[in-house]
Amino acid sequence: MEPMTIVSKAREMGINFGNIWFIDIAGKIKTFAFSLDKLEASLDEGLGFDGSSVTGFQDITESDLVIKPDLNTALFLGEEVFGMPSLVFLGNIFTPDYQVFEGDSRAILRRTVEENLSPSQRLNIGAELEFFFFRANKPREIIDKGSYFDMIIFDEATKILNEIANTLIKLGIDTEYYHHEVADSQFEVDLQYSDAHLIADRVIIARAIIKKIAAKYGIYASFMPKPLFKKAGNGLHTHMSVFDGDRNLMAAEKDLSDFGKSFLTGIIDHIKEIALLTNPTVNSYKRLVPGYEAPVYVAWGHNNRSTLIRVPQFNAKKPKSIRIEVRNPDPSCNPYLAYAALFKAGMSGVKAGLKAPAPIEFNIFDLTQKDVLRQGIDTLPDSLESALNKTKSGTMVKELLGAPLYKRYIALKEDEWKRFSNNVTQWEIDEYYYEF
């Protein structure tokens, strides 16, 4: 859409300011508003801001950055979202001399794809976004005791989910399904597969829209990986395929191609090293435990939800839909960095011509720990500290982020682990206070 067309439509809606969104290294949305009188100039000159005040961006001695709105991401929001008509852009970040800023997550994903694919090829991703609804101002008070695919026709979640899905569709965000998930008060919205850059943008937008609309109804939508003890946690299951034109490179006859098997093997080989990006918080590892439908074991199988990577059942009416589903990412991640890491790992397997290990077609959760060890099945990191150590012992994340951003990201996560380790938790109070 041309700048003046955007401005004209905005004026008709009574909008005088555009909101530009970008995300910090942790995946949190940052935003500021700018006069639409500056839209055309912003495409050339950019809009200046202080990068040292954004998590993981710049030191105070080199703080200046500029951001340019991406016109292809322009979103016209009705008053049902923010209480007034609004215009939102996602932005691309540059240094003051207009070089691509190495800390821009969107740029990292774009660069990683361009380095590994030809212009005729593309990475497709589909996203399953899980979240909980809790009563606002009543921490973790659930709104129902439903379970997977329970009928929610007449309860309060129906109206909220309907409005969320319809708003996403109005914004051009193709939404395949929404439904109740396994845990009490847990739901899922599935985003139709598309180009990886577009889906990463849509995950960011969808998280914001879900939170904003739920809040209108006195509901807090939480994407925390594991907000409730002894309940299933929130995942961001990631479906991946690589196309060349209209040919799915992952598809052979009714199964994965050699390309697809090498791709998933690359992920298996590097998953522990990149888990810091797909599962970036202390709480992420409370989800990755046996018994709650989250992956623990580094393995793959056909239609097997106990493995890290699942190859969905072949659909004869959609033969090009062959893909892999990576099940460990969670919605606390920065999707640009998580998708870039998974893709880089996958393509390392393709370039090396790796042969896939044998698929596992049984429920690994039924095995004893001794049986797991006997079969040589590896496990994901069990804590943020473990994930940090795996990242620091490898080179993939440093190559992906670049040395300056890598250093800042590691420092950020080391500080998170230290603060958690030094904290006295309620569990410790309950366990030890009256014991000693």
Protein backbone atom coordinates (compact mmCIF):
# COMPACT_ATOMS: atom_id res chain seq x y z
CA MET A 1 0.00 0.00 0.00
CA GLU A 2 1.34 3.44 -0.91
CA PRO A 3 2.12 5.87 1.95
CA MET A 4 -0.50 8.44 0.94
CA THR A 5 -3.13 5.71 0.56
CA ILE A 6 -2.38 4.61 4.12
CA VAL A 7 -2.55 8.19 5.40
CA SER A 8 -5.82 8.84 3.57
CA LYS A 9 -7.47 5.71 4.99
CA ALA A 10 -6.20 6.56 8.46
CA ARG A 11 -7.60 10.09 8.29
CA GLU A 12 -10.99 8.69 7.26
CA MET A 13 -10.92 6.57 10.43
CA GLY A 14 -9.93 9.56 12.57
CA ILE A 15 -6.37 8.31 13.06
CA ASN A 16 -3.60 10.92 13.24
CA PHE A 17 -0.78 8.84 14.68
CA GLY A 18 0.79 5.57 13.63
CA ASN A 19 2.09 3.09 16.18
CA ILE A 20 5.33 1.37 15.29
CA TRP A 21 6.03 -1.99 16.93
CA PHE A 22 9.33 -3.79 17.29
CA ILE A 23 10.51 -6.44 19.69
CA ASP A 24 13.47 -6.61 22.02
CA ILE A 25 15.77 -9.61 22.16
CA ALA A 26 13.43 -11.33 24.63
CA GLY A 27 10.49 -11.05 22.22
CA LYS A 28 8.58 -8.33 24.07
CA ILE A 29 6.77 -5.69 22.02
CA LYS A 30 8.11 -2.15 22.23
CA THR A 31 6.14 0.68 20.66
CA PHE A 32 5.86 4.42 20.21
CA ALA A 33 3.48 6.62 18.24
CA PHE A 34 4.50 9.03 15.50
CA SER A 35 2.60 11.67 13.54
CA LEU A 36 1.37 10.40 10.19
CA ASP A 37 2.67 13.66 8.74
CA LYS A 38 6.10 12.01 9.11
CA LEU A 39 5.21 8.74 7.37
CA GLU A 40 6.83 9.48 4.03
CA ALA A 41 9.92 10.97 5.64
CA SER A 42 10.20 7.99 7.99
CA LEU A 43 10.60 5.65 5.03
CA ASP A 44 13.78 7.49 4.03
CA GLU A 45 15.18 8.95 7.22
CA GLY A 46 13.69 6.59 9.78
CA LEU A 47 12.54 7.50 13.27
CA GLY A 48 15.24 7.84 15.91
CA PHE A 49 15.14 6.17 19.34
CA ASP A 50 17.40 5.22 22.24
CA GLY A 51 18.61 1.65 21.73
CA SER A 52 20.36 1.50 25.12
CA SER A 53 16.98 1.51 26.86
CA VAL A 54 15.78 -1.61 25.02
CA THR A 55 16.65 -5.02 26.45
CA GLY A 56 19.61 -6.55 24.65
CA PHE A 57 20.08 -3.79 22.07
CA GLN A 58 22.90 -1.27 22.59
CA ASP A 59 25.33 0.07 25.18
CA ILE A 60 24.77 3.62 26.44
CA THR A 61 27.86 4.78 24.53
CA GLU A 62 26.36 3.72 21.18
CA SER A 63 22.68 4.13 21.87
CA ASP A 64 21.23 5.83 18.78
CA LEU A 65 19.18 3.70 16.39
CA VAL A 66 16.56 4.40 13.74
CA ILE A 67 13.50 2.43 12.76
CA LYS A 68 11.57 2.47 9.50
CA PRO A 69 7.94 1.31 9.27
CA ASP A 70 7.37 -1.71 7.04
CA LEU A 71 4.38 -0.63 4.94
CA ASN A 72 3.59 -4.26 4.12
CA THR A 73 2.72 -4.80 7.77
CA ALA A 74 0.23 -1.90 8.08
CA LEU A 75 -2.71 -2.94 10.29
CA PHE A 76 -5.88 -0.87 10.63
CA LEU A 77 -7.48 -1.80 13.94
CA GLY A 78 -11.05 -0.97 14.86
CA GLU A 79 -11.90 0.45 18.26
CA GLU A 80 -12.70 -3.06 19.55
CA VAL A 81 -8.98 -3.70 20.14
CA PHE A 82 -7.49 -0.55 21.69
CA GLY A 83 -10.69 1.37 22.42
CA MET A 84 -10.14 3.68 19.44
CA PRO A 85 -9.29 3.18 15.77
CA SER A 86 -5.55 2.56 15.46
CA LEU A 87 -2.87 2.07 12.84
CA VAL A 88 0.06 -0.25 13.59
CA PHE A 89 3.24 -1.00 11.64
CA LEU A 90 6.04 -3.41 12.39
CA GLY A 91 9.43 -1.81 11.88
CA ASN A 92 12.91 -2.59 10.59
CA ILE A 93 15.82 -1.27 12.66
CA PHE A 94 19.01 0.36 11.39
CA THR A 95 22.13 2.03 12.74
CA PRO A 96 22.43 5.82 12.31
CA ASP A 97 24.37 5.26 9.06
CA TYR A 98 21.47 3.07 7.79
CA GLN A 99 23.17 -0.30 8.07
CA VAL A 100 20.90 -3.14 9.16
CA PHE A 101 21.06 -3.32 12.97
CA GLU A 102 22.54 -6.67 14.00
CA GLY A 103 20.22 -6.85 17.01
CA ASP A 104 17.02 -6.66 14.93
CA SER A 105 15.33 -10.05 15.32
CA ARG A 106 13.36 -9.66 12.07
CA ALA A 107 16.62 -9.04 10.22
CA ILE A 108 18.25 -12.11 11.78
CA LEU A 109 15.46 -14.40 10.54
CA ARG A 110 15.51 -12.77 7.09
CA ARG A 111 19.29 -13.09 6.82
CA THR A 112 19.29 -16.73 7.97
CA VAL A 113 16.72 -17.73 5.37
CA GLU A 114 18.46 -15.80 2.57
CA GLU A 115 21.81 -17.39 3.41
CA ASN A 116 20.38 -20.90 3.13
CA LEU A 117 17.77 -20.74 0.35
CA SER A 118 17.73 -19.59 -3.25
CA PRO A 119 15.28 -16.83 -4.34
CA SER A 120 12.84 -19.47 -5.66
CA GLN A 121 12.76 -21.30 -2.34
CA ARG A 122 10.90 -20.43 0.84
CA LEU A 123 10.53 -21.63 4.40
CA ASN A 124 6.91 -22.22 5.42
CA ILE A 125 5.87 -22.27 9.06
CA GLY A 126 2.57 -22.96 10.79
CA ALA A 127 2.10 -21.97 14.45
CA GLU A 128 -0.05 -23.44 17.22
CA LEU A 129 -0.38 -20.73 19.85
CA GLU A 130 -1.48 -21.95 23.31
CA PHE A 131 -2.52 -19.77 26.24
CA PHE A 132 -4.54 -19.70 29.46
CA PHE A 133 -7.44 -17.46 30.45
CA PHE A 134 -7.39 -16.29 34.09
CA ARG A 135 -9.57 -13.82 35.97
CA ALA A 136 -7.97 -10.40 35.84
CA ASN A 137 -6.73 -9.16 39.24
CA LYS A 138 -7.17 -12.68 40.64
CA PRO A 139 -3.84 -14.39 39.98
CA ARG A 140 -4.25 -17.71 38.17
CA GLU A 141 -7.95 -18.12 38.89
CA ILE A 142 -9.22 -20.31 36.05
CA ILE A 143 -12.48 -19.64 34.21
CA ASP A 144 -13.45 -23.26 33.46
CA LYS A 145 -12.59 -26.88 34.11
CA GLY A 146 -12.68 -27.94 30.49
CA SER A 147 -10.35 -30.32 28.68
CA TYR A 148 -9.21 -31.01 25.13
CA PHE A 149 -11.83 -30.07 22.50
CA ASP A 150 -14.53 -29.64 25.13
CA MET A 151 -17.63 -27.88 23.85
CA ILE A 152 -17.55 -24.23 24.91
CA ILE A 153 -20.67 -23.03 23.09
CA PHE A 154 -22.36 -21.26 25.99
CA ASP A 155 -19.51 -20.25 28.28
CA GLU A 156 -17.75 -16.90 28.45
CA ALA A 157 -14.65 -18.12 26.61
CA THR A 158 -16.69 -18.58 23.41
CA LYS A 159 -17.40 -14.88 22.94
CA ILE A 160 -13.79 -13.92 23.63
CA LEU A 161 -12.32 -16.56 21.30
CA ASN A 162 -14.81 -15.68 18.56
CA GLU A 163 -13.85 -12.03 18.74
CA ILE A 164 -10.14 -12.91 18.74
CA ALA A 165 -10.45 -15.17 15.70
CA ASN A 166 -12.64 -12.74 13.76
CA THR A 167 -10.31 -9.84 14.54
CA LEU A 168 -7.29 -11.81 13.35
CA ILE A 169 -9.08 -12.72 10.13
CA LYS A 170 -10.09 -9.07 9.55
CA LEU A 171 -6.42 -8.18 9.85
CA GLY A 172 -5.52 -10.73 7.17
CA ILE A 173 -4.10 -13.24 9.65
CA ASP A 174 -5.38 -16.59 8.42
CA THR A 175 -6.65 -18.56 11.41
CA GLU A 176 -7.32 -22.27 10.91
CA TYR A 177 -8.73 -23.38 14.26
CA TYR A 178 -9.42 -22.36 17.80
CA HIS A 179 -10.42 -24.76 20.55
CA HIS A 180 -10.12 -25.71 24.19
CA GLU A 181 -6.80 -27.31 25.05
CA VAL A 182 -5.90 -30.08 27.52
CA ALA A 183 -5.67 -28.10 30.75
CA ASP A 184 -8.38 -26.24 32.65
CA SER A 185 -8.93 -22.77 31.15
CA GLN A 186 -6.40 -23.41 28.36
CA PHE A 187 -7.02 -22.61 24.69
CA GLU A 188 -5.29 -22.72 21.32
CA VAL A 189 -5.39 -20.60 18.18
CA ASP A 190 -3.71 -22.05 15.08
CA LEU A 191 -2.23 -19.76 12.45
CA GLN A 192 -2.36 -21.01 8.85
CA TYR A 193 1.08 -21.84 7.50
CA SER A 194 2.82 -19.19 5.43
CA ASP A 195 6.23 -17.65 4.81
CA ALA A 196 8.38 -17.80 7.96
CA HIS A 197 8.83 -14.01 8.22
CA LEU A 198 5.09 -13.47 7.95
CA ILE A 199 4.26 -16.09 10.58
CA ALA A 200 6.79 -14.66 13.04
CA ASP A 201 5.14 -11.25 12.57
CA ARG A 202 1.73 -12.84 13.06
CA VAL A 203 2.73 -14.59 16.27
CA ILE A 204 3.78 -11.22 17.70
CA ILE A 205 0.56 -9.56 16.54
CA ALA A 206 -1.67 -12.44 17.67
CA ARG A 207 -0.19 -12.47 21.18
CA ALA A 208 -0.98 -8.76 21.51
CA ILE A 209 -4.49 -9.06 20.06
CA ILE A 210 -5.36 -12.04 22.29
CA LYS A 211 -4.25 -10.16 25.40
CA LYS A 212 -6.04 -6.92 24.44
CA ILE A 213 -9.37 -8.51 23.59
CA ALA A 214 -9.36 -10.81 26.63
CA ALA A 215 -8.68 -7.81 28.88
CA LYS A 216 -11.92 -6.15 27.70
CA TYR A 217 -13.80 -9.03 29.32
CA GLY A 218 -11.90 -8.93 32.60
CA ILE A 219 -9.68 -11.83 31.54
CA TYR A 220 -5.90 -12.06 31.59
CA ALA A 221 -4.48 -14.14 28.73
CA SER A 222 -1.20 -15.74 29.78
CA PHE A 223 1.40 -17.23 27.44
CA MET A 224 3.57 -18.30 30.39
CA PRO A 225 4.89 -21.77 29.51
CA LYS A 226 3.78 -23.45 32.75
CA PRO A 227 1.48 -21.29 34.90
CA LEU A 228 -0.23 -24.16 36.76
CA PHE A 229 1.39 -27.02 38.67
CA LYS A 230 0.40 -30.52 37.54
CA LYS A 231 -1.35 -29.18 34.44
CA ALA A 232 -0.26 -29.12 30.80
CA GLY A 233 1.76 -26.08 29.78
CA ASN A 234 1.65 -23.71 26.82
CA GLY A 235 3.48 -24.69 23.65
CA LEU A 236 4.18 -23.02 20.34
CA HIS A 237 4.24 -26.14 18.17
CA THR A 238 6.05 -25.25 14.96
CA HIS A 239 5.22 -26.89 11.60
CA MET A 240 8.01 -26.53 9.04
CA SER A 241 8.38 -27.26 5.33
CA VAL A 242 10.64 -25.93 2.57
CA PHE A 243 9.27 -25.28 -0.91
CA ASP A 244 11.00 -24.62 -4.23
CA GLY A 245 8.33 -22.94 -6.33
CA ASP A 246 5.29 -25.16 -5.80
CA ARG A 247 7.35 -28.27 -4.99
CA ASN A 248 7.60 -29.35 -1.36
CA LEU A 249 11.22 -30.39 -0.84
CA MET A 250 10.22 -32.35 2.25
CA ALA A 251 7.74 -34.54 0.40
CA ALA A 252 8.41 -37.99 -1.00
CA GLU A 253 5.69 -40.50 -1.76
CA LYS A 254 3.51 -40.57 1.36
CA ASP A 255 6.46 -39.70 3.64
CA LEU A 256 9.36 -37.37 4.24
CA SER A 257 11.96 -37.02 1.50
CA ASP A 258 15.68 -37.43 2.13
CA PHE A 259 15.79 -33.61 2.36
CA GLY A 260 13.14 -33.69 5.09
CA LYS A 261 14.88 -36.45 7.03
CA SER A 262 18.23 -34.67 6.88
CA PHE A 263 16.50 -31.44 7.97
CA LEU A 264 14.91 -33.01 11.05
CA THR A 265 18.20 -34.74 11.89
CA GLY A 266 19.96 -31.37 11.90
CA ILE A 267 17.41 -30.14 14.44
CA ILE A 268 17.82 -33.29 16.55
CA ASP A 269 21.61 -32.85 16.54
CA HIS A 270 21.47 -29.19 17.62
CA ILE A 271 18.27 -28.92 19.64
CA LYS A 272 19.97 -28.86 23.04
CA GLU A 273 22.29 -26.10 21.85
CA ILE A 274 19.44 -23.92 20.52
CA ALA A 275 16.92 -24.63 23.30
CA LEU A 276 17.94 -21.34 24.90
CA LEU A 277 16.14 -19.61 22.00
CA THR A 278 13.13 -21.95 21.64
CA ASN A 279 12.61 -22.25 25.42
CA PRO A 280 14.17 -19.10 26.85
CA THR A 281 12.89 -18.79 30.42
CA VAL A 282 13.28 -20.49 33.78
CA ASN A 283 9.62 -21.45 33.57
CA SER A 284 10.05 -23.01 30.11
CA TYR A 285 11.70 -26.04 31.68
CA LYS A 286 8.85 -26.62 34.13
CA ARG A 287 6.79 -27.46 31.02
CA LEU A 288 9.32 -29.87 29.51
CA VAL A 289 8.67 -32.75 31.93
CA PRO A 290 7.10 -36.19 31.33
CA GLY A 291 3.38 -36.68 31.56
CA TYR A 292 1.95 -33.40 30.29
CA GLU A 293 2.11 -33.79 26.50
CA ALA A 294 5.27 -31.67 26.21
CA PRO A 295 8.35 -33.24 24.61
CA VAL A 296 11.21 -34.42 26.78
CA TYR A 297 12.96 -36.91 24.53
CA VAL A 298 15.15 -36.02 21.55
CA ALA A 299 13.63 -38.35 18.95
CA TRP A 300 11.26 -38.32 16.01
CA GLY A 301 8.35 -40.42 14.85
CA HIS A 302 5.34 -40.54 12.58
CA ASN A 303 2.24 -39.13 14.27
CA ASN A 304 3.92 -39.63 17.64
CA ARG A 305 3.30 -36.88 20.18
CA SER A 306 5.78 -38.28 22.71
CA THR A 307 8.73 -37.31 20.50
CA LEU A 308 10.44 -33.96 19.97
CA ILE A 309 9.59 -34.00 16.25
CA ARG A 310 6.38 -35.43 14.84
CA VAL A 311 5.71 -36.17 11.19
CA PRO A 312 1.93 -35.71 10.86
CA GLN A 313 -0.03 -38.50 9.22
CA PHE A 314 0.00 -38.40 5.41
CA ASN A 315 -3.14 -36.89 3.88
CA ALA A 316 -3.85 -38.35 0.43
CA LYS A 317 -5.96 -35.31 -0.51
CA LYS A 318 -3.12 -32.91 0.42
CA PRO A 319 0.09 -34.68 -0.63
CA LYS A 320 2.09 -31.43 -0.52
CA SER A 321 1.26 -30.97 3.16
CA ILE A 322 4.06 -33.31 4.30
CA ARG A 323 6.03 -31.46 6.97
CA ILE A 324 7.63 -31.79 10.37
CA GLU A 325 6.20 -30.51 13.64
CA VAL A 326 8.75 -29.41 16.23
CA ARG A 327 7.01 -29.60 19.60
CA ASN A 328 9.34 -28.07 22.17
CA PRO A 329 9.11 -24.28 21.44
CA ASP A 330 6.91 -22.28 23.78
CA PRO A 331 5.20 -18.88 23.39
CA SER A 332 7.61 -17.07 25.71
CA CYS A 333 10.17 -17.21 22.90
CA ASN A 334 11.16 -14.53 20.44
CA PRO A 335 9.63 -16.24 17.37
CA TYR A 336 12.08 -14.68 14.91
CA LEU A 337 15.05 -16.08 16.79
CA ALA A 338 13.41 -19.44 17.53
CA TYR A 339 12.44 -19.99 13.88
CA ALA A 340 15.86 -18.83 12.67
CA ALA A 341 17.60 -21.25 15.05
CA LEU A 342 15.42 -24.22 14.07
CA PHE A 343 15.91 -23.45 10.38
CA LYS A 344 19.67 -23.01 10.69
CA ALA A 345 19.91 -26.31 12.57
CA GLY A 346 17.74 -28.07 9.99
CA MET A 347 19.74 -26.78 7.04
CA SER A 348 22.98 -27.85 8.70
CA GLY A 349 21.64 -31.39 8.48
CA VAL A 350 20.71 -30.95 4.82
CA LYS A 351 24.12 -29.55 3.89
CA ALA A 352 25.87 -32.39 5.71
CA GLY A 353 23.58 -35.00 4.12
CA LEU A 354 22.78 -36.45 7.55
CA LYS A 355 20.93 -39.76 7.74
CA ALA A 356 17.99 -39.80 10.10
CA PRO A 357 18.01 -42.11 13.11
CA ALA A 358 15.29 -44.73 13.21
CA PRO A 359 11.87 -43.26 14.00
CA ILE A 360 10.29 -44.12 17.31
CA GLU A 361 6.69 -45.20 16.87
CA PHE A 362 5.75 -46.02 20.47
CA ASN A 363 4.91 -43.86 23.49
CA ILE A 364 8.27 -43.05 25.08
CA PHE A 365 6.50 -41.90 28.23
CA ASP A 366 5.59 -45.56 28.85
CA LEU A 367 9.28 -46.46 29.24
CA THR A 368 11.12 -46.49 32.53
CA GLN A 369 14.14 -44.21 32.84
CA LYS A 370 16.33 -47.30 32.67
CA ASP A 371 14.70 -48.32 29.37
CA VAL A 372 15.19 -44.82 27.98
CA LEU A 373 18.90 -44.98 28.80
CA ARG A 374 19.18 -48.51 27.43
CA GLN A 375 17.73 -47.40 24.09
CA GLY A 376 20.08 -44.44 23.93
CA ILE A 377 17.29 -41.83 23.79
CA ASP A 378 18.61 -38.38 24.68
CA THR A 379 16.67 -35.72 26.59
CA LEU A 380 16.21 -31.97 26.30
CA PRO A 381 17.88 -29.67 28.85
CA ASP A 382 16.05 -29.81 32.17
CA SER A 383 16.71 -26.22 33.29
CA LEU A 384 17.66 -22.81 31.99
CA GLU A 385 21.14 -23.34 33.45
CA SER A 386 21.54 -26.58 31.51
CA ALA A 387 20.35 -24.88 28.30
CA LEU A 388 22.81 -22.03 28.89
CA ASN A 389 25.70 -24.46 29.28
CA LYS A 390 24.72 -26.30 26.08
CA THR A 391 24.57 -23.02 24.15
CA LYS A 392 27.93 -21.84 25.45
CA SER A 393 29.58 -25.17 24.58
CA GLY A 394 28.53 -24.86 20.91
CA THR A 395 28.86 -22.33 18.11
CA MET A 396 25.47 -22.28 16.39
CA VAL A 397 23.73 -19.61 18.48
CA LYS A 398 26.80 -17.36 18.41
CA GLU A 399 26.94 -17.68 14.62
CA LEU A 400 23.23 -16.95 14.37
CA LEU A 401 23.16 -13.88 16.61
CA GLY A 402 26.63 -12.49 15.94
CA ALA A 403 29.17 -11.96 18.71
CA PRO A 404 27.84 -8.65 20.20
CA LEU A 405 24.20 -9.78 20.44
CA TYR A 406 25.23 -13.25 21.60
CA LYS A 407 27.21 -11.71 24.46
CA ARG A 408 24.25 -9.59 25.55
CA TYR A 409 21.79 -12.47 25.27
CA ILE A 410 23.96 -14.83 27.33
CA ALA A 411 24.42 -12.14 29.99
CA LEU A 412 20.65 -11.57 30.09
CA LYS A 413 19.93 -15.27 30.62
CA GLU A 414 22.73 -15.76 33.14
CA ASP A 415 21.23 -12.92 35.17
CA GLU A 416 17.77 -14.53 34.93
CA TRP A 417 19.12 -17.85 36.21
CA LYS A 418 21.05 -16.16 39.03
CA ARG A 419 17.97 -14.23 40.18
CA PHE A 420 15.91 -17.42 40.15
CA SER A 421 18.59 -19.43 41.98
CA ASN A 422 18.94 -16.80 44.71
CA ASN A 423 15.19 -16.44 45.24
CA VAL A 424 13.48 -18.13 48.18
CA THR A 425 10.40 -19.78 46.69
CA GLN A 426 7.09 -20.69 48.28
CA TRP A 427 7.95 -24.37 47.78
CA GLU A 428 11.01 -23.95 50.01
CA ILE A 429 8.93 -22.20 52.66
CA ASP A 430 6.36 -24.99 52.61
CA GLU A 431 9.01 -27.71 52.59
CA TYR A 432 11.49 -26.43 55.16
CA TYR A 433 10.09 -23.60 57.31
CA TYR A 434 8.55 -25.82 59.96
CA GLU A 435 11.05 -28.65 59.43
CA PHE A 436 14.09 -26.94 60.88
